[in-house]
């Protein structure tokens, strides 16, 4: 844990004092709410920035989006977050609120990254949130670019969950590319490149 935090600290120190302070405060909120989610966010943040370099995306925004992608889970009861069995429909609805909640938490400080994390579950088999917060894209960002960033984040998010959680995402060494592509349709080319670059490995 200390090594992971140190690596993340080194990366966010390059963002400038103001952004670093805000990001540190958000990460501390996640850490206090749920340590496994916090560690998941750190790993996803690092891999997201590495993926951004690979695909020529904005590395700062992808680092921030990856680190904060699950901040909305601070509103979800820990007993749901720690559950290893299948979720009930009611529990799913609570979980599905986290991208929109996360967007509302960080949008003022990190507006572009907020648009990415808002959409990182839009490209899954069970797409959510069903309705985006109003007004949609208030700053007029390039939604095609944001969709590309969000798709990459969704792959990395799923991979980390699949390889670290002891539940229905449990990882199998047998054809992991096919396993991830089944959960993130249309992303097989991106997934292969991430494995070839050892970002997913």
N, C-alpha and C. Protein backbone atom coordinates (compact mmCIF):
# COMPACT_ATOMS: atom_id res chain seq x y z
N UNK A 1 0.83 -1.21 0.00
CA UNK A 1 0.00 0.00 0.00
C UNK A 1 0.86 1.26 0.00
N UNK A 2 1.92 1.26 0.81
CA UNK A 2 2.78 2.44 0.90
C UNK A 2 3.45 2.73 -0.43
N UNK A 3 3.92 1.66 -1.11
CA UNK A 3 4.56 1.84 -2.41
C UNK A 3 3.60 2.38 -3.45
N UNK A 4 2.37 1.89 -3.42
CA UNK A 4 1.35 2.36 -4.35
C UNK A 4 1.03 3.83 -4.10
N UNK A 5 0.86 4.19 -2.85
CA UNK A 5 0.58 5.59 -2.51
C UNK A 5 1.75 6.50 -2.89
N UNK A 6 2.96 6.01 -2.72
CA UNK A 6 4.13 6.81 -3.09
C UNK A 6 4.17 7.06 -4.59
N UNK A 7 3.88 6.02 -5.37
CA UNK A 7 3.87 6.17 -6.83
C UNK A 7 2.81 7.16 -7.27
N UNK A 8 1.62 7.05 -6.69
CA UNK A 8 0.55 7.99 -7.03
C UNK A 8 0.95 9.40 -6.60
N UNK A 9 1.53 9.52 -5.42
CA UNK A 9 1.97 10.83 -4.93
C UNK A 9 2.95 11.48 -5.87
N UNK A 10 3.88 10.70 -6.42
CA UNK A 10 4.85 11.23 -7.37
C UNK A 10 4.16 11.77 -8.62
N UNK A 11 3.17 11.05 -9.06
CA UNK A 11 2.48 11.46 -10.30
C UNK A 11 1.61 12.70 -10.09
N UNK A 12 0.90 12.75 -8.99
CA UNK A 12 0.02 13.91 -8.80
C UNK A 12 0.81 15.14 -8.37
N UNK A 13 2.05 14.96 -7.92
CA UNK A 13 2.88 16.12 -7.58
C UNK A 13 3.21 16.94 -8.82
N UNK A 14 3.11 16.33 -9.99
CA UNK A 14 3.41 17.02 -11.24
C UNK A 14 2.23 17.83 -11.76
N UNK A 15 1.09 17.76 -11.09
CA UNK A 15 -0.12 18.45 -11.56
C UNK A 15 -0.15 19.92 -11.16
N UNK A 16 0.75 20.33 -10.26
CA UNK A 16 0.69 21.69 -9.73
C UNK A 16 0.06 21.67 -8.35
N UNK A 17 0.44 22.65 -7.53
CA UNK A 17 0.03 22.65 -6.13
C UNK A 17 -1.48 22.67 -5.93
N UNK A 18 -2.18 23.51 -6.69
CA UNK A 18 -3.63 23.64 -6.48
C UNK A 18 -4.37 22.36 -6.83
N UNK A 19 -4.06 21.79 -7.99
CA UNK A 19 -4.73 20.55 -8.40
C UNK A 19 -4.34 19.40 -7.47
N UNK A 20 -3.08 19.36 -7.07
CA UNK A 20 -2.62 18.30 -6.17
C UNK A 20 -3.38 18.36 -4.84
N UNK A 21 -3.52 19.54 -4.28
CA UNK A 21 -4.22 19.67 -3.00
C UNK A 21 -5.67 19.20 -3.10
N UNK A 22 -6.34 19.61 -4.16
CA UNK A 22 -7.74 19.20 -4.34
C UNK A 22 -7.84 17.69 -4.53
N UNK A 23 -6.94 17.15 -5.33
CA UNK A 23 -6.98 15.71 -5.59
C UNK A 23 -6.66 14.92 -4.33
N UNK A 24 -5.69 15.38 -3.56
CA UNK A 24 -5.37 14.73 -2.28
C UNK A 24 -6.59 14.70 -1.35
N UNK A 25 -7.32 15.80 -1.31
CA UNK A 25 -8.50 15.88 -0.45
C UNK A 25 -9.58 14.88 -0.89
N UNK A 26 -9.78 14.77 -2.19
CA UNK A 26 -10.78 13.81 -2.69
C UNK A 26 -10.33 12.37 -2.39
N UNK A 27 -9.07 12.08 -2.60
CA UNK A 27 -8.58 10.73 -2.33
C UNK A 27 -8.70 10.38 -0.85
N UNK A 28 -8.48 11.35 0.01
CA UNK A 28 -8.62 11.11 1.44
C UNK A 28 -10.08 10.78 1.79
N UNK A 29 -11.01 11.41 1.12
CA UNK A 29 -12.43 11.10 1.35
C UNK A 29 -12.73 9.65 0.96
N UNK A 30 -12.15 9.21 -0.15
CA UNK A 30 -12.36 7.82 -0.56
C UNK A 30 -11.71 6.87 0.44
N UNK A 31 -10.48 7.18 0.85
CA UNK A 31 -9.76 6.32 1.79
C UNK A 31 -10.53 6.15 3.10
N UNK A 32 -11.06 7.25 3.62
CA UNK A 32 -11.81 7.19 4.88
C UNK A 32 -13.11 6.41 4.74
N UNK A 33 -13.70 6.47 3.55
CA UNK A 33 -14.98 5.80 3.34
C UNK A 33 -14.81 4.29 3.16
N UNK A 34 -13.77 3.88 2.39
CA UNK A 34 -13.65 2.45 2.07
C UNK A 34 -12.26 2.18 1.50
N UNK A 35 -11.40 1.54 2.28
CA UNK A 35 -10.01 1.32 1.87
C UNK A 35 -9.88 0.50 0.58
N UNK A 36 -10.62 -0.60 0.39
CA UNK A 36 -10.48 -1.35 -0.87
C UNK A 36 -10.81 -0.50 -2.10
N UNK A 37 -11.83 0.34 -2.00
CA UNK A 37 -12.17 1.22 -3.12
C UNK A 37 -11.04 2.22 -3.36
N UNK A 38 -10.48 2.74 -2.29
CA UNK A 38 -9.35 3.67 -2.39
C UNK A 38 -8.18 3.03 -3.12
N UNK A 39 -7.79 1.83 -2.74
CA UNK A 39 -6.67 1.16 -3.39
C UNK A 39 -6.98 0.83 -4.84
N UNK A 40 -8.21 0.43 -5.10
CA UNK A 40 -8.66 0.19 -6.48
C UNK A 40 -8.50 1.47 -7.30
N UNK A 41 -8.91 2.60 -6.76
CA UNK A 41 -8.80 3.87 -7.48
C UNK A 41 -7.35 4.23 -7.76
N UNK A 42 -6.46 3.97 -6.82
CA UNK A 42 -5.04 4.26 -7.04
C UNK A 42 -4.49 3.42 -8.19
N UNK A 43 -4.81 2.14 -8.19
CA UNK A 43 -4.32 1.27 -9.27
C UNK A 43 -4.89 1.66 -10.62
N UNK A 44 -6.18 1.95 -10.64
CA UNK A 44 -6.82 2.34 -11.90
C UNK A 44 -6.27 3.68 -12.39
N UNK A 45 -5.99 4.60 -11.48
CA UNK A 45 -5.43 5.89 -11.87
C UNK A 45 -4.09 5.74 -12.55
N UNK A 46 -3.21 4.92 -11.98
CA UNK A 46 -1.89 4.70 -12.56
C UNK A 46 -2.00 4.07 -13.95
N UNK A 47 -2.79 3.02 -14.05
CA UNK A 47 -2.94 2.34 -15.34
C UNK A 47 -3.63 3.24 -16.37
N UNK A 48 -4.56 4.07 -15.93
CA UNK A 48 -5.24 4.97 -16.85
C UNK A 48 -4.28 5.99 -17.44
N UNK A 49 -3.39 6.51 -16.60
CA UNK A 49 -2.40 7.46 -17.12
C UNK A 49 -1.44 6.76 -18.08
N UNK A 50 -1.03 5.55 -17.76
CA UNK A 50 -0.15 4.80 -18.66
C UNK A 50 -0.86 4.54 -20.00
N UNK A 51 -2.15 4.22 -19.94
CA UNK A 51 -2.92 4.00 -21.16
C UNK A 51 -3.06 5.29 -21.97
N UNK A 52 -3.20 6.41 -21.28
CA UNK A 52 -3.30 7.69 -21.97
C UNK A 52 -2.05 7.98 -22.79
N UNK A 53 -0.90 7.66 -22.24
CA UNK A 53 0.35 7.83 -22.99
C UNK A 53 0.34 6.94 -24.23
N UNK A 54 -0.11 5.71 -24.07
CA UNK A 54 -0.13 4.75 -25.18
C UNK A 54 -1.03 5.23 -26.31
N UNK A 55 -2.19 5.80 -25.97
CA UNK A 55 -3.17 6.17 -26.99
C UNK A 55 -3.15 7.65 -27.35
N UNK A 56 -2.21 8.41 -26.79
CA UNK A 56 -2.10 9.82 -27.13
C UNK A 56 -3.19 10.67 -26.54
N UNK A 57 -3.70 10.28 -25.38
CA UNK A 57 -4.74 11.06 -24.68
C UNK A 57 -4.08 12.02 -23.69
N UNK A 58 -4.88 12.87 -23.09
CA UNK A 58 -4.39 13.80 -22.08
C UNK A 58 -4.08 13.00 -20.81
N UNK A 59 -2.80 12.93 -20.47
CA UNK A 59 -2.39 12.06 -19.37
C UNK A 59 -2.83 12.58 -18.00
N UNK A 60 -2.87 13.91 -17.85
CA UNK A 60 -3.31 14.48 -16.56
C UNK A 60 -4.78 14.18 -16.31
N UNK A 61 -5.61 14.39 -17.32
CA UNK A 61 -7.05 14.18 -17.15
C UNK A 61 -7.37 12.71 -16.92
N UNK A 62 -6.64 11.82 -17.59
CA UNK A 62 -6.89 10.39 -17.39
C UNK A 62 -6.41 9.94 -16.01
N UNK A 63 -5.31 10.51 -15.53
CA UNK A 63 -4.88 10.19 -14.17
C UNK A 63 -5.95 10.59 -13.17
N UNK A 64 -6.46 11.81 -13.30
CA UNK A 64 -7.47 12.31 -12.37
C UNK A 64 -8.75 11.48 -12.47
N UNK A 65 -9.19 11.23 -13.71
CA UNK A 65 -10.42 10.45 -13.90
C UNK A 65 -10.28 9.05 -13.31
N UNK A 66 -9.12 8.42 -13.52
CA UNK A 66 -8.90 7.09 -12.97
C UNK A 66 -8.87 7.08 -11.45
N UNK A 67 -8.19 8.06 -10.87
CA UNK A 67 -8.10 8.12 -9.42
C UNK A 67 -9.44 8.39 -8.76
N UNK A 68 -10.30 9.14 -9.44
CA UNK A 68 -11.57 9.55 -8.82
C UNK A 68 -12.79 8.83 -9.41
N UNK A 69 -12.57 7.84 -10.25
CA UNK A 69 -13.71 7.26 -10.98
C UNK A 69 -14.76 6.65 -10.06
N UNK A 70 -14.36 6.21 -8.87
CA UNK A 70 -15.32 5.59 -7.95
C UNK A 70 -15.61 6.44 -6.73
N UNK A 71 -15.33 7.73 -6.79
CA UNK A 71 -15.56 8.56 -5.60
C UNK A 71 -17.03 8.59 -5.22
N UNK A 72 -17.92 8.41 -6.17
CA UNK A 72 -19.35 8.37 -5.85
C UNK A 72 -19.73 7.23 -4.93
N UNK A 73 -18.86 6.23 -4.78
CA UNK A 73 -19.14 5.10 -3.89
C UNK A 73 -19.03 5.47 -2.42
N UNK A 74 -18.57 6.68 -2.12
CA UNK A 74 -18.55 7.09 -0.70
C UNK A 74 -19.96 7.18 -0.14
N UNK A 75 -20.98 7.23 -1.01
CA UNK A 75 -22.38 7.27 -0.56
C UNK A 75 -23.02 5.89 -0.50
N UNK A 76 -22.31 4.86 -0.89
CA UNK A 76 -22.86 3.51 -0.89
C UNK A 76 -22.48 2.81 0.42
N UNK A 77 -23.42 2.15 1.08
CA UNK A 77 -23.09 1.46 2.34
C UNK A 77 -21.96 0.45 2.16
N UNK A 78 -21.06 0.41 3.14
CA UNK A 78 -19.90 -0.47 3.02
C UNK A 78 -20.30 -1.95 2.95
N UNK A 79 -21.44 -2.29 3.55
CA UNK A 79 -21.84 -3.70 3.48
C UNK A 79 -22.16 -4.12 2.05
N UNK A 80 -22.60 -3.18 1.22
CA UNK A 80 -22.81 -3.48 -0.20
C UNK A 80 -21.46 -3.57 -0.91
N UNK A 81 -20.56 -2.62 -0.65
CA UNK A 81 -19.25 -2.62 -1.29
C UNK A 81 -18.45 -3.87 -0.94
N UNK A 82 -18.66 -4.40 0.27
CA UNK A 82 -17.90 -5.57 0.71
C UNK A 82 -18.58 -6.89 0.36
N UNK A 83 -19.73 -6.83 -0.24
CA UNK A 83 -20.49 -8.05 -0.54
C UNK A 83 -19.84 -8.82 -1.69
N UNK A 84 -19.74 -10.13 -1.55
CA UNK A 84 -19.12 -10.97 -2.56
C UNK A 84 -20.14 -11.79 -3.35
N UNK A 85 -21.40 -11.77 -2.94
CA UNK A 85 -22.44 -12.51 -3.65
C UNK A 85 -23.07 -11.61 -4.72
N UNK A 86 -23.97 -12.18 -5.49
CA UNK A 86 -24.70 -11.41 -6.49
C UNK A 86 -25.51 -10.32 -5.79
N UNK A 87 -25.59 -9.15 -6.45
CA UNK A 87 -26.35 -8.04 -5.89
C UNK A 87 -27.83 -8.20 -6.21
N UNK A 88 -28.66 -7.74 -5.29
CA UNK A 88 -30.08 -7.65 -5.58
C UNK A 88 -30.32 -6.46 -6.51
N UNK A 89 -31.51 -6.39 -7.07
CA UNK A 89 -31.82 -5.27 -7.98
C UNK A 89 -31.74 -3.95 -7.23
N UNK A 90 -32.19 -3.92 -6.00
CA UNK A 90 -32.12 -2.69 -5.20
C UNK A 90 -30.67 -2.28 -4.95
N UNK A 91 -29.82 -3.25 -4.68
CA UNK A 91 -28.40 -2.96 -4.47
C UNK A 91 -27.76 -2.46 -5.76
N UNK A 92 -28.13 -3.06 -6.88
CA UNK A 92 -27.61 -2.59 -8.16
C UNK A 92 -27.96 -1.13 -8.40
N UNK A 93 -29.19 -0.77 -8.06
CA UNK A 93 -29.61 0.62 -8.27
C UNK A 93 -28.76 1.58 -7.44
N UNK A 94 -28.41 1.18 -6.23
CA UNK A 94 -27.55 2.03 -5.41
C UNK A 94 -26.16 2.13 -6.02
N UNK A 95 -25.64 1.01 -6.49
CA UNK A 95 -24.31 1.01 -7.11
C UNK A 95 -24.32 1.85 -8.38
N UNK A 96 -25.39 1.77 -9.14
CA UNK A 96 -25.46 2.49 -10.41
C UNK A 96 -25.55 4.00 -10.24
N UNK A 97 -25.71 4.45 -9.03
CA UNK A 97 -25.76 5.90 -8.79
C UNK A 97 -24.35 6.50 -8.70
N UNK A 98 -23.32 5.67 -8.58
CA UNK A 98 -22.02 6.23 -8.23
C UNK A 98 -21.35 7.07 -9.32
N UNK A 99 -21.52 6.80 -10.63
CA UNK A 99 -20.89 7.71 -11.60
C UNK A 99 -21.50 9.12 -11.56
N UNK A 100 -22.82 9.21 -11.47
CA UNK A 100 -23.47 10.53 -11.40
C UNK A 100 -23.14 11.23 -10.10
N UNK A 101 -23.11 10.48 -8.99
CA UNK A 101 -22.74 11.09 -7.71
C UNK A 101 -21.28 11.59 -7.76
N UNK A 102 -20.41 10.78 -8.34
CA UNK A 102 -19.01 11.19 -8.46
C UNK A 102 -18.86 12.44 -9.31
N UNK A 103 -19.61 12.49 -10.39
CA UNK A 103 -19.59 13.67 -11.26
C UNK A 103 -19.97 14.92 -10.46
N UNK A 104 -21.03 14.83 -9.69
CA UNK A 104 -21.50 15.98 -8.91
C UNK A 104 -20.48 16.40 -7.85
N UNK A 105 -19.71 15.45 -7.33
CA UNK A 105 -18.72 15.77 -6.31
C UNK A 105 -17.56 16.56 -6.89
N UNK A 106 -17.05 16.14 -8.07
CA UNK A 106 -15.78 16.69 -8.55
C UNK A 106 -15.90 17.65 -9.73
N UNK A 107 -17.10 17.83 -10.27
CA UNK A 107 -17.25 18.58 -11.53
C UNK A 107 -16.70 20.00 -11.46
N UNK A 108 -16.86 20.67 -10.35
CA UNK A 108 -16.40 22.07 -10.26
C UNK A 108 -14.88 22.17 -10.29
N UNK A 109 -14.20 21.20 -9.69
CA UNK A 109 -12.74 21.24 -9.62
C UNK A 109 -12.06 20.59 -10.82
N UNK A 110 -12.66 19.50 -11.32
CA UNK A 110 -12.06 18.74 -12.42
C UNK A 110 -13.12 18.44 -13.48
N UNK A 111 -13.58 19.44 -14.22
CA UNK A 111 -14.73 19.26 -15.10
C UNK A 111 -14.53 18.25 -16.23
N UNK A 112 -13.35 18.23 -16.85
CA UNK A 112 -13.14 17.29 -17.96
C UNK A 112 -13.07 15.86 -17.44
N UNK A 113 -12.29 15.66 -16.38
CA UNK A 113 -12.20 14.32 -15.78
C UNK A 113 -13.57 13.86 -15.28
N UNK A 114 -14.37 14.80 -14.78
CA UNK A 114 -15.71 14.45 -14.30
C UNK A 114 -16.58 13.90 -15.42
N UNK A 115 -16.45 14.47 -16.62
CA UNK A 115 -17.23 13.97 -17.76
C UNK A 115 -16.79 12.55 -18.12
N UNK A 116 -15.50 12.26 -17.97
CA UNK A 116 -15.01 10.91 -18.25
C UNK A 116 -15.56 9.92 -17.24
N UNK A 117 -15.40 10.22 -15.96
CA UNK A 117 -15.83 9.25 -14.93
C UNK A 117 -17.34 9.07 -14.93
N UNK A 118 -18.06 10.12 -15.33
CA UNK A 118 -19.52 10.01 -15.43
C UNK A 118 -19.93 8.93 -16.41
N UNK A 119 -19.13 8.74 -17.45
CA UNK A 119 -19.50 7.84 -18.55
C UNK A 119 -18.78 6.50 -18.54
N UNK A 120 -17.97 6.21 -17.54
CA UNK A 120 -17.12 5.03 -17.65
C UNK A 120 -17.90 3.71 -17.52
N UNK A 121 -19.16 3.77 -17.14
CA UNK A 121 -20.00 2.57 -17.16
C UNK A 121 -21.07 2.62 -18.26
N UNK A 122 -20.97 3.60 -19.15
CA UNK A 122 -21.93 3.69 -20.25
C UNK A 122 -21.65 2.65 -21.33
N UNK A 123 -20.46 2.05 -21.31
CA UNK A 123 -20.05 1.16 -22.40
C UNK A 123 -19.93 -0.28 -21.93
N UNK A 124 -20.67 -0.61 -20.88
CA UNK A 124 -20.71 -1.97 -20.34
C UNK A 124 -21.97 -2.66 -20.85
N UNK A 125 -22.06 -3.94 -20.60
CA UNK A 125 -23.27 -4.67 -20.98
C UNK A 125 -24.49 -4.08 -20.28
N UNK A 126 -24.34 -3.76 -19.01
CA UNK A 126 -25.40 -3.10 -18.26
C UNK A 126 -25.01 -1.62 -18.13
N UNK A 127 -25.44 -0.84 -19.10
CA UNK A 127 -25.00 0.56 -19.21
C UNK A 127 -25.70 1.46 -18.18
N UNK A 128 -24.92 2.30 -17.53
CA UNK A 128 -25.47 3.29 -16.60
C UNK A 128 -24.47 4.42 -16.42
N UNK A 129 -24.92 5.59 -15.97
CA UNK A 129 -26.29 5.95 -15.58
C UNK A 129 -27.21 6.05 -16.79
N UNK A 130 -28.47 5.74 -16.58
CA UNK A 130 -29.45 5.79 -17.67
C UNK A 130 -29.66 7.23 -18.13
N UNK A 131 -29.62 8.15 -17.18
CA UNK A 131 -29.85 9.56 -17.49
C UNK A 131 -28.69 10.38 -16.93
N UNK A 132 -28.08 11.20 -17.78
CA UNK A 132 -26.97 12.02 -17.35
C UNK A 132 -27.47 13.28 -16.66
N UNK A 133 -26.69 13.81 -15.72
CA UNK A 133 -27.11 15.03 -15.03
C UNK A 133 -27.33 16.19 -16.00
N UNK A 134 -28.28 17.03 -15.67
CA UNK A 134 -28.56 18.22 -16.48
C UNK A 134 -27.80 19.41 -15.92
N UNK A 135 -27.31 20.33 -16.76
CA UNK A 135 -27.27 20.20 -18.21
C UNK A 135 -26.17 19.24 -18.64
N UNK A 136 -26.42 18.48 -19.69
CA UNK A 136 -25.43 17.53 -20.19
C UNK A 136 -24.27 18.31 -20.82
N UNK A 137 -23.04 17.99 -20.41
CA UNK A 137 -21.84 18.61 -20.95
C UNK A 137 -21.94 20.14 -20.95
N UNK A 138 -22.08 20.76 -19.79
CA UNK A 138 -22.31 22.21 -19.72
C UNK A 138 -21.17 23.06 -20.27
N UNK A 139 -19.96 22.52 -20.32
CA UNK A 139 -18.82 23.30 -20.81
C UNK A 139 -18.52 23.06 -22.28
N UNK A 140 -19.31 22.22 -22.93
CA UNK A 140 -19.16 22.01 -24.37
C UNK A 140 -17.90 21.25 -24.76
N UNK A 141 -17.49 20.29 -23.94
CA UNK A 141 -16.31 19.49 -24.28
C UNK A 141 -16.59 18.61 -25.50
N UNK A 142 -15.54 18.12 -26.12
CA UNK A 142 -15.64 17.19 -27.25
C UNK A 142 -16.11 15.84 -26.72
N UNK A 143 -17.37 15.53 -26.95
CA UNK A 143 -17.93 14.30 -26.38
C UNK A 143 -17.38 13.04 -27.03
N UNK A 144 -16.91 13.15 -28.27
CA UNK A 144 -16.30 11.98 -28.91
C UNK A 144 -15.00 11.62 -28.21
N UNK A 145 -14.21 12.64 -27.88
CA UNK A 145 -12.96 12.40 -27.15
C UNK A 145 -13.26 11.84 -25.77
N UNK A 146 -14.24 12.43 -25.09
CA UNK A 146 -14.59 11.96 -23.75
C UNK A 146 -15.05 10.50 -23.79
N UNK A 147 -15.83 10.15 -24.80
CA UNK A 147 -16.28 8.75 -24.93
C UNK A 147 -15.09 7.81 -25.09
N UNK A 148 -14.09 8.22 -25.87
CA UNK A 148 -12.90 7.39 -26.03
C UNK A 148 -12.15 7.21 -24.73
N UNK A 149 -12.00 8.29 -23.97
CA UNK A 149 -11.35 8.21 -22.67
C UNK A 149 -12.14 7.30 -21.73
N UNK A 150 -13.45 7.47 -21.73
CA UNK A 150 -14.30 6.69 -20.83
C UNK A 150 -14.25 5.20 -21.15
N UNK A 151 -14.17 4.87 -22.41
CA UNK A 151 -14.08 3.46 -22.81
C UNK A 151 -12.78 2.83 -22.31
N UNK A 152 -11.68 3.56 -22.46
CA UNK A 152 -10.40 3.05 -21.96
C UNK A 152 -10.47 2.87 -20.44
N UNK A 153 -11.00 3.86 -19.76
CA UNK A 153 -11.14 3.76 -18.30
C UNK A 153 -12.01 2.58 -17.91
N UNK A 154 -13.06 2.32 -18.66
CA UNK A 154 -13.96 1.21 -18.33
C UNK A 154 -13.25 -0.13 -18.42
N UNK A 155 -12.35 -0.27 -19.40
CA UNK A 155 -11.59 -1.52 -19.54
C UNK A 155 -10.64 -1.70 -18.36
N UNK A 156 -9.92 -0.65 -18.00
CA UNK A 156 -8.96 -0.73 -16.90
C UNK A 156 -9.68 -0.97 -15.58
N UNK A 157 -10.79 -0.32 -15.39
CA UNK A 157 -11.60 -0.51 -14.18
C UNK A 157 -12.03 -1.97 -14.06
N UNK A 158 -12.53 -2.54 -15.14
CA UNK A 158 -12.99 -3.92 -15.10
C UNK A 158 -11.81 -4.87 -14.87
N UNK A 159 -10.71 -4.63 -15.54
CA UNK A 159 -9.54 -5.50 -15.37
C UNK A 159 -9.08 -5.52 -13.91
N UNK A 160 -8.99 -4.35 -13.30
CA UNK A 160 -8.52 -4.32 -11.92
C UNK A 160 -9.50 -5.02 -10.99
N UNK A 161 -10.79 -4.80 -11.20
CA UNK A 161 -11.79 -5.49 -10.38
C UNK A 161 -11.69 -7.01 -10.58
N UNK A 162 -11.52 -7.41 -11.84
CA UNK A 162 -11.49 -8.83 -12.18
C UNK A 162 -10.29 -9.53 -11.56
N UNK A 163 -9.18 -8.82 -11.43
CA UNK A 163 -7.95 -9.45 -10.96
C UNK A 163 -7.70 -9.27 -9.46
N UNK A 164 -8.54 -8.49 -8.79
CA UNK A 164 -8.29 -8.25 -7.36
C UNK A 164 -9.46 -8.60 -6.45
N UNK A 165 -10.67 -8.68 -6.98
CA UNK A 165 -11.82 -8.94 -6.13
C UNK A 165 -12.15 -10.42 -6.08
N UNK A 166 -12.63 -10.87 -4.93
CA UNK A 166 -13.00 -12.27 -4.75
C UNK A 166 -14.52 -12.37 -4.84
N UNK A 167 -15.01 -12.34 -6.06
CA UNK A 167 -16.45 -12.44 -6.27
C UNK A 167 -16.71 -12.82 -7.72
N UNK A 168 -17.83 -12.37 -8.28
CA UNK A 168 -18.19 -12.80 -9.62
C UNK A 168 -17.26 -12.26 -10.70
N UNK A 169 -16.34 -11.35 -10.37
CA UNK A 169 -15.36 -10.87 -11.33
C UNK A 169 -14.07 -11.69 -11.30
N UNK A 170 -14.05 -12.76 -10.53
CA UNK A 170 -12.80 -13.48 -10.29
C UNK A 170 -12.09 -13.79 -11.60
N UNK A 171 -10.79 -13.55 -11.61
CA UNK A 171 -9.98 -13.62 -12.82
C UNK A 171 -9.63 -15.05 -13.17
N UNK A 172 -9.65 -15.34 -14.45
CA UNK A 172 -9.17 -16.61 -14.95
C UNK A 172 -8.04 -16.33 -15.93
N UNK A 173 -6.95 -17.06 -15.80
CA UNK A 173 -5.80 -16.87 -16.69
C UNK A 173 -6.14 -17.28 -18.13
N UNK A 174 -7.21 -18.03 -18.30
CA UNK A 174 -7.57 -18.53 -19.62
C UNK A 174 -8.22 -17.43 -20.45
N UNK A 175 -7.53 -16.96 -21.46
CA UNK A 175 -8.01 -15.96 -22.41
C UNK A 175 -8.63 -14.74 -21.72
N UNK A 176 -7.83 -13.96 -20.97
CA UNK A 176 -8.36 -12.78 -20.29
C UNK A 176 -8.87 -11.71 -21.26
N UNK A 177 -8.27 -11.63 -22.46
CA UNK A 177 -8.73 -10.64 -23.44
C UNK A 177 -10.18 -10.90 -23.81
N UNK A 178 -10.50 -12.17 -24.06
CA UNK A 178 -11.88 -12.53 -24.40
C UNK A 178 -12.81 -12.24 -23.23
N UNK A 179 -12.36 -12.50 -22.02
CA UNK A 179 -13.18 -12.26 -20.82
C UNK A 179 -13.51 -10.78 -20.67
N UNK A 180 -12.51 -9.94 -20.86
CA UNK A 180 -12.74 -8.50 -20.72
C UNK A 180 -13.57 -7.98 -21.88
N UNK A 181 -13.27 -8.46 -23.10
CA UNK A 181 -14.02 -8.00 -24.27
C UNK A 181 -15.49 -8.38 -24.17
N UNK A 182 -15.78 -9.49 -23.51
CA UNK A 182 -17.17 -9.88 -23.33
C UNK A 182 -17.92 -8.92 -22.43
N UNK A 183 -17.19 -8.30 -21.50
CA UNK A 183 -17.80 -7.34 -20.58
C UNK A 183 -17.76 -5.92 -21.11
N UNK A 184 -16.84 -5.65 -22.05
CA UNK A 184 -16.69 -4.32 -22.64
C UNK A 184 -16.75 -4.45 -24.15
N UNK A 185 -17.97 -4.60 -24.70
CA UNK A 185 -18.15 -4.88 -26.13
C UNK A 185 -17.50 -3.82 -27.02
N UNK A 186 -16.91 -4.29 -28.12
CA UNK A 186 -16.33 -3.39 -29.10
C UNK A 186 -14.95 -2.87 -28.75
N UNK A 187 -14.34 -3.39 -27.68
CA UNK A 187 -13.07 -2.84 -27.20
C UNK A 187 -11.91 -3.83 -27.34
N UNK A 188 -12.08 -4.89 -28.11
CA UNK A 188 -11.06 -5.93 -28.16
C UNK A 188 -9.72 -5.40 -28.67
N UNK A 189 -9.73 -4.51 -29.67
CA UNK A 189 -8.49 -3.94 -30.18
C UNK A 189 -7.75 -3.15 -29.13
N UNK A 190 -8.48 -2.34 -28.38
CA UNK A 190 -7.88 -1.55 -27.30
C UNK A 190 -7.34 -2.48 -26.22
N UNK A 191 -8.10 -3.49 -25.87
CA UNK A 191 -7.68 -4.44 -24.83
C UNK A 191 -6.39 -5.14 -25.23
N UNK A 192 -6.30 -5.58 -26.49
CA UNK A 192 -5.09 -6.25 -26.97
C UNK A 192 -3.88 -5.32 -26.87
N UNK A 193 -4.05 -4.06 -27.25
CA UNK A 193 -2.93 -3.11 -27.17
C UNK A 193 -2.49 -2.88 -25.73
N UNK A 194 -3.45 -2.84 -24.81
CA UNK A 194 -3.11 -2.66 -23.40
C UNK A 194 -2.32 -3.85 -22.86
N UNK A 195 -2.68 -5.05 -23.29
CA UNK A 195 -1.93 -6.23 -22.88
C UNK A 195 -0.55 -6.26 -23.54
N UNK A 196 -0.48 -5.92 -24.81
CA UNK A 196 0.80 -5.90 -25.51
C UNK A 196 1.77 -4.91 -24.88
N UNK A 197 1.24 -3.79 -24.40
CA UNK A 197 2.07 -2.77 -23.76
C UNK A 197 2.35 -3.08 -22.29
N UNK A 198 1.85 -4.20 -21.80
CA UNK A 198 2.04 -4.65 -20.41
C UNK A 198 1.38 -3.71 -19.40
N UNK A 199 0.43 -2.89 -19.87
CA UNK A 199 -0.36 -2.07 -18.94
C UNK A 199 -1.37 -2.95 -18.23
N UNK A 200 -1.94 -3.87 -18.97
CA UNK A 200 -2.72 -4.96 -18.39
C UNK A 200 -1.87 -6.20 -18.52
N UNK A 201 -1.53 -6.81 -17.42
CA UNK A 201 -0.65 -7.99 -17.49
C UNK A 201 -0.67 -8.71 -16.15
